[in-house]
Amino acid sequence: MAGGWSRDGAVNEQIEASINDELARLKARRGPSGESRTHCAECDEPIPEARRAAIPGVKLCIDCQSERDGRAAPRGGINRRGSKDSQLK
């Protein structure tokens, strides 16, 4: 497929890269796995047994996890969709 200044297959590579980025982001959000810690990884406070039983692989206490959940996660600012605005810049 002709793409103007882009080489053949560039559009498909952009689509694949976008899909792979989103899959990596979703895998990172999946949550903890493995063995739970007995003490918080950030503040070293004990993690209650009920929390460790409810969430396998938990690494943070409730307070530290609440603080982390309140922060906005940075997202990539790359526009791979090739909109007209991005092509004009």
N, C-alpha and C. Protein backbone atom coordinates (compact mmCIF):
# COMPACT_ATOMS: atom_id res chain seq x y z
N MET A 1 0.85 -1.17 0.00
CA MET A 1 0.00 0.00 0.00
C MET A 1 0.89 1.23 0.00
N ALA A 2 0.60 2.17 -0.86
CA ALA A 2 1.38 3.40 -0.93
C ALA A 2 1.03 4.28 0.25
N GLY A 3 2.05 4.85 0.88
CA GLY A 3 1.82 5.65 2.06
C GLY A 3 2.44 7.02 1.97
N GLY A 4 2.64 7.54 0.78
CA GLY A 4 3.26 8.86 0.67
C GLY A 4 4.74 8.77 0.96
N TRP A 5 5.18 9.43 2.02
CA TRP A 5 6.60 9.43 2.37
C TRP A 5 7.01 8.21 3.19
N SER A 6 6.06 7.45 3.68
CA SER A 6 6.40 6.28 4.51
C SER A 6 6.76 5.09 3.63
N ARG A 7 7.56 4.24 4.17
CA ARG A 7 7.96 3.04 3.42
C ARG A 7 6.87 1.98 3.53
N ASP A 8 6.96 0.96 2.71
CA ASP A 8 5.97 -0.12 2.73
C ASP A 8 5.98 -0.81 4.09
N GLY A 9 4.81 -1.07 4.62
CA GLY A 9 4.68 -1.77 5.89
C GLY A 9 4.76 -0.88 7.11
N ALA A 10 5.00 0.42 6.94
CA ALA A 10 5.15 1.31 8.08
C ALA A 10 3.86 1.42 8.88
N VAL A 11 2.73 1.44 8.20
CA VAL A 11 1.45 1.56 8.89
C VAL A 11 1.20 0.32 9.75
N ASN A 12 1.47 -0.84 9.19
CA ASN A 12 1.29 -2.07 9.97
C ASN A 12 2.23 -2.11 11.17
N GLU A 13 3.45 -1.64 11.01
CA GLU A 13 4.39 -1.59 12.13
C GLU A 13 3.89 -0.65 13.22
N GLN A 14 3.29 0.46 12.84
CA GLN A 14 2.74 1.40 13.82
C GLN A 14 1.58 0.76 14.58
N ILE A 15 0.73 0.06 13.86
CA ILE A 15 -0.40 -0.62 14.50
C ILE A 15 0.10 -1.67 15.48
N GLU A 16 1.06 -2.48 15.06
CA GLU A 16 1.63 -3.52 15.93
C GLU A 16 2.28 -2.91 17.16
N ALA A 17 3.00 -1.80 16.98
CA ALA A 17 3.65 -1.14 18.12
C ALA A 17 2.62 -0.61 19.10
N SER A 18 1.53 -0.05 18.60
CA SER A 18 0.47 0.45 19.47
C SER A 18 -0.18 -0.69 20.25
N ILE A 19 -0.42 -1.80 19.59
CA ILE A 19 -1.02 -2.96 20.25
C ILE A 19 -0.08 -3.50 21.32
N ASN A 20 1.22 -3.62 20.99
CA ASN A 20 2.18 -4.13 21.96
C ASN A 20 2.32 -3.20 23.16
N ASP A 21 2.29 -1.89 22.95
CA ASP A 21 2.36 -0.93 24.06
C ASP A 21 1.16 -1.09 24.98
N GLU A 22 -0.01 -1.24 24.41
CA GLU A 22 -1.22 -1.37 25.22
C GLU A 22 -1.24 -2.69 25.97
N LEU A 23 -0.79 -3.77 25.34
CA LEU A 23 -0.72 -5.06 26.03
C LEU A 23 0.26 -5.00 27.20
N ALA A 24 1.40 -4.34 27.01
CA ALA A 24 2.37 -4.19 28.10
C ALA A 24 1.78 -3.38 29.24
N ARG A 25 1.03 -2.33 28.91
CA ARG A 25 0.40 -1.51 29.95
C ARG A 25 -0.63 -2.32 30.73
N LEU A 26 -1.42 -3.14 30.04
CA LEU A 26 -2.42 -3.96 30.71
C LEU A 26 -1.79 -5.03 31.59
N LYS A 27 -0.69 -5.63 31.12
CA LYS A 27 0.01 -6.62 31.93
C LYS A 27 0.57 -6.00 33.20
N ALA A 28 1.04 -4.76 33.10
CA ALA A 28 1.57 -4.07 34.28
C ALA A 28 0.46 -3.75 35.27
N ARG A 29 -0.74 -3.53 34.80
CA ARG A 29 -1.88 -3.20 35.67
C ARG A 29 -2.52 -4.43 36.30
N ARG A 30 -2.15 -5.59 35.81
CA ARG A 30 -2.81 -6.82 36.25
C ARG A 30 -2.76 -6.97 37.77
N GLY A 31 -1.71 -6.49 38.40
CA GLY A 31 -1.63 -6.54 39.85
C GLY A 31 -0.56 -7.50 40.32
N PRO A 32 -0.47 -7.62 41.62
CA PRO A 32 0.58 -8.44 42.20
C PRO A 32 0.36 -9.92 41.94
N SER A 33 1.43 -10.67 41.95
CA SER A 33 1.36 -12.12 41.84
C SER A 33 2.53 -12.70 42.62
N GLY A 34 2.47 -13.97 42.90
CA GLY A 34 3.52 -14.61 43.67
C GLY A 34 3.19 -14.60 45.15
N GLU A 35 4.22 -14.67 45.96
CA GLU A 35 4.04 -14.72 47.41
C GLU A 35 3.91 -13.32 48.00
N SER A 36 3.00 -13.17 48.93
CA SER A 36 2.78 -11.88 49.59
C SER A 36 3.91 -11.59 50.56
N ARG A 37 4.19 -10.30 50.74
CA ARG A 37 5.17 -9.89 51.74
C ARG A 37 4.47 -9.74 53.08
N THR A 38 5.22 -9.90 54.15
CA THR A 38 4.65 -9.73 55.49
C THR A 38 4.72 -8.28 55.93
N HIS A 39 5.65 -7.51 55.34
CA HIS A 39 5.80 -6.09 55.67
C HIS A 39 5.81 -5.28 54.37
N CYS A 40 5.32 -4.06 54.44
CA CYS A 40 5.20 -3.18 53.28
C CYS A 40 6.57 -2.90 52.67
N ALA A 41 6.62 -2.89 51.34
CA ALA A 41 7.88 -2.63 50.62
C ALA A 41 8.30 -1.18 50.72
N GLU A 42 7.39 -0.27 51.02
CA GLU A 42 7.73 1.15 51.09
C GLU A 42 7.95 1.65 52.51
N CYS A 43 7.04 1.32 53.43
CA CYS A 43 7.13 1.89 54.79
C CYS A 43 7.52 0.86 55.84
N ASP A 44 7.62 -0.40 55.48
CA ASP A 44 8.03 -1.50 56.37
C ASP A 44 7.03 -1.76 57.50
N GLU A 45 5.79 -1.30 57.37
CA GLU A 45 4.75 -1.61 58.34
C GLU A 45 4.22 -3.02 58.05
N PRO A 46 3.75 -3.73 59.07
CA PRO A 46 3.20 -5.07 58.82
C PRO A 46 1.94 -5.02 57.97
N ILE A 47 1.82 -5.96 57.06
CA ILE A 47 0.62 -6.07 56.22
C ILE A 47 -0.31 -7.06 56.92
N PRO A 48 -1.57 -6.68 57.15
CA PRO A 48 -2.50 -7.58 57.86
C PRO A 48 -2.70 -8.90 57.12
N GLU A 49 -2.88 -9.95 57.89
CA GLU A 49 -3.06 -11.29 57.32
C GLU A 49 -4.26 -11.35 56.38
N ALA A 50 -5.33 -10.64 56.72
CA ALA A 50 -6.53 -10.65 55.87
C ALA A 50 -6.22 -10.06 54.50
N ARG A 51 -5.42 -9.01 54.45
CA ARG A 51 -5.05 -8.41 53.16
C ARG A 51 -4.17 -9.37 52.35
N ARG A 52 -3.24 -10.02 53.02
CA ARG A 52 -2.36 -10.98 52.32
C ARG A 52 -3.16 -12.16 51.78
N ALA A 53 -4.19 -12.58 52.50
CA ALA A 53 -5.01 -13.70 52.03
C ALA A 53 -5.92 -13.27 50.89
N ALA A 54 -6.40 -12.02 50.94
CA ALA A 54 -7.33 -11.54 49.91
C ALA A 54 -6.64 -11.22 48.59
N ILE A 55 -5.40 -10.73 48.66
CA ILE A 55 -4.68 -10.33 47.45
C ILE A 55 -3.35 -11.08 47.40
N PRO A 56 -3.29 -12.17 46.66
CA PRO A 56 -2.03 -12.91 46.57
C PRO A 56 -0.94 -12.05 45.93
N GLY A 57 0.23 -12.05 46.54
CA GLY A 57 1.36 -11.30 46.00
C GLY A 57 1.38 -9.84 46.39
N VAL A 58 0.60 -9.45 47.41
CA VAL A 58 0.54 -8.05 47.81
C VAL A 58 1.90 -7.62 48.36
N LYS A 59 2.31 -6.40 48.00
CA LYS A 59 3.62 -5.90 48.42
C LYS A 59 3.53 -4.63 49.25
N LEU A 60 2.37 -3.97 49.24
CA LEU A 60 2.20 -2.69 49.93
C LEU A 60 1.08 -2.77 50.95
N CYS A 61 1.23 -1.97 52.02
CA CYS A 61 0.15 -1.86 53.00
C CYS A 61 -0.99 -1.03 52.39
N ILE A 62 -2.09 -0.96 53.09
CA ILE A 62 -3.28 -0.27 52.57
C ILE A 62 -2.99 1.21 52.35
N ASP A 63 -2.30 1.86 53.30
CA ASP A 63 -2.02 3.29 53.18
C ASP A 63 -1.13 3.59 51.97
N CYS A 64 -0.05 2.83 51.81
CA CYS A 64 0.86 3.07 50.68
C CYS A 64 0.18 2.77 49.35
N GLN A 65 -0.64 1.71 49.31
CA GLN A 65 -1.35 1.38 48.08
C GLN A 65 -2.37 2.46 47.73
N SER A 66 -3.06 2.99 48.73
CA SER A 66 -4.02 4.07 48.48
C SER A 66 -3.33 5.31 47.93
N GLU A 67 -2.16 5.61 48.48
CA GLU A 67 -1.41 6.77 47.99
C GLU A 67 -0.95 6.56 46.55
N ARG A 68 -0.49 5.36 46.26
CA ARG A 68 -0.03 5.05 44.90
C ARG A 68 -1.19 5.07 43.91
N ASP A 69 -2.35 4.58 44.32
CA ASP A 69 -3.52 4.57 43.43
C ASP A 69 -4.00 5.98 43.12
N GLY A 70 -3.76 6.92 44.03
CA GLY A 70 -4.19 8.29 43.82
C GLY A 70 -3.34 9.04 42.82
N ARG A 71 -2.11 8.58 42.58
CA ARG A 71 -1.23 9.23 41.61
C ARG A 71 -1.64 8.87 40.19
N ALA A 72 -1.50 9.83 39.29
CA ALA A 72 -1.79 9.58 37.88
C ALA A 72 -0.60 8.88 37.24
N ALA A 73 -0.86 7.83 36.52
CA ALA A 73 0.20 7.10 35.84
C ALA A 73 0.54 7.80 34.53
N PRO A 74 1.83 8.02 34.24
CA PRO A 74 2.19 8.68 32.99
C PRO A 74 1.91 7.77 31.79
N ARG A 75 1.40 8.36 30.76
CA ARG A 75 1.15 7.63 29.52
C ARG A 75 2.04 8.19 28.43
N GLY A 76 2.36 7.39 27.47
CA GLY A 76 3.21 7.83 26.37
C GLY A 76 2.54 8.91 25.55
N GLY A 77 3.29 9.90 25.14
CA GLY A 77 2.74 10.99 24.36
C GLY A 77 2.95 10.83 22.87
N ILE A 78 3.21 9.62 22.43
CA ILE A 78 3.48 9.40 21.01
C ILE A 78 2.17 9.10 20.30
N ASN A 79 1.91 9.85 19.24
CA ASN A 79 0.72 9.63 18.44
C ASN A 79 1.13 8.80 17.23
N ARG A 80 0.85 7.52 17.29
CA ARG A 80 1.24 6.63 16.19
C ARG A 80 0.12 6.47 15.17
N ARG A 81 -0.98 7.12 15.38
CA ARG A 81 -2.11 6.92 14.48
C ARG A 81 -2.00 7.75 13.21
N GLY A 82 -1.04 8.64 13.15
CA GLY A 82 -0.81 9.41 11.94
C GLY A 82 -1.93 10.38 11.61
N SER A 83 -2.46 11.07 12.62
CA SER A 83 -3.52 12.03 12.36
C SER A 83 -2.96 13.19 11.55
N LYS A 84 -3.83 13.96 10.92
CA LYS A 84 -3.38 15.09 10.12
C LYS A 84 -2.63 16.09 10.95
N ASP A 85 -3.08 16.32 12.20
CA ASP A 85 -2.40 17.28 13.07
C ASP A 85 -0.96 16.85 13.33
N SER A 86 -0.72 15.56 13.58
CA SER A 86 0.64 15.12 13.88
C SER A 86 1.53 15.20 12.64
N GLN A 87 0.96 15.08 11.47
CA GLN A 87 1.76 15.13 10.25
C GLN A 87 2.11 16.55 9.88
N LEU A 88 1.35 17.53 10.35
CA LEU A 88 1.62 18.93 10.02
C LEU A 88 2.71 19.53 10.88
N LYS A 89 3.00 18.93 12.03
CA LYS A 89 3.99 19.49 12.94
C LYS A 89 5.39 19.24 12.50
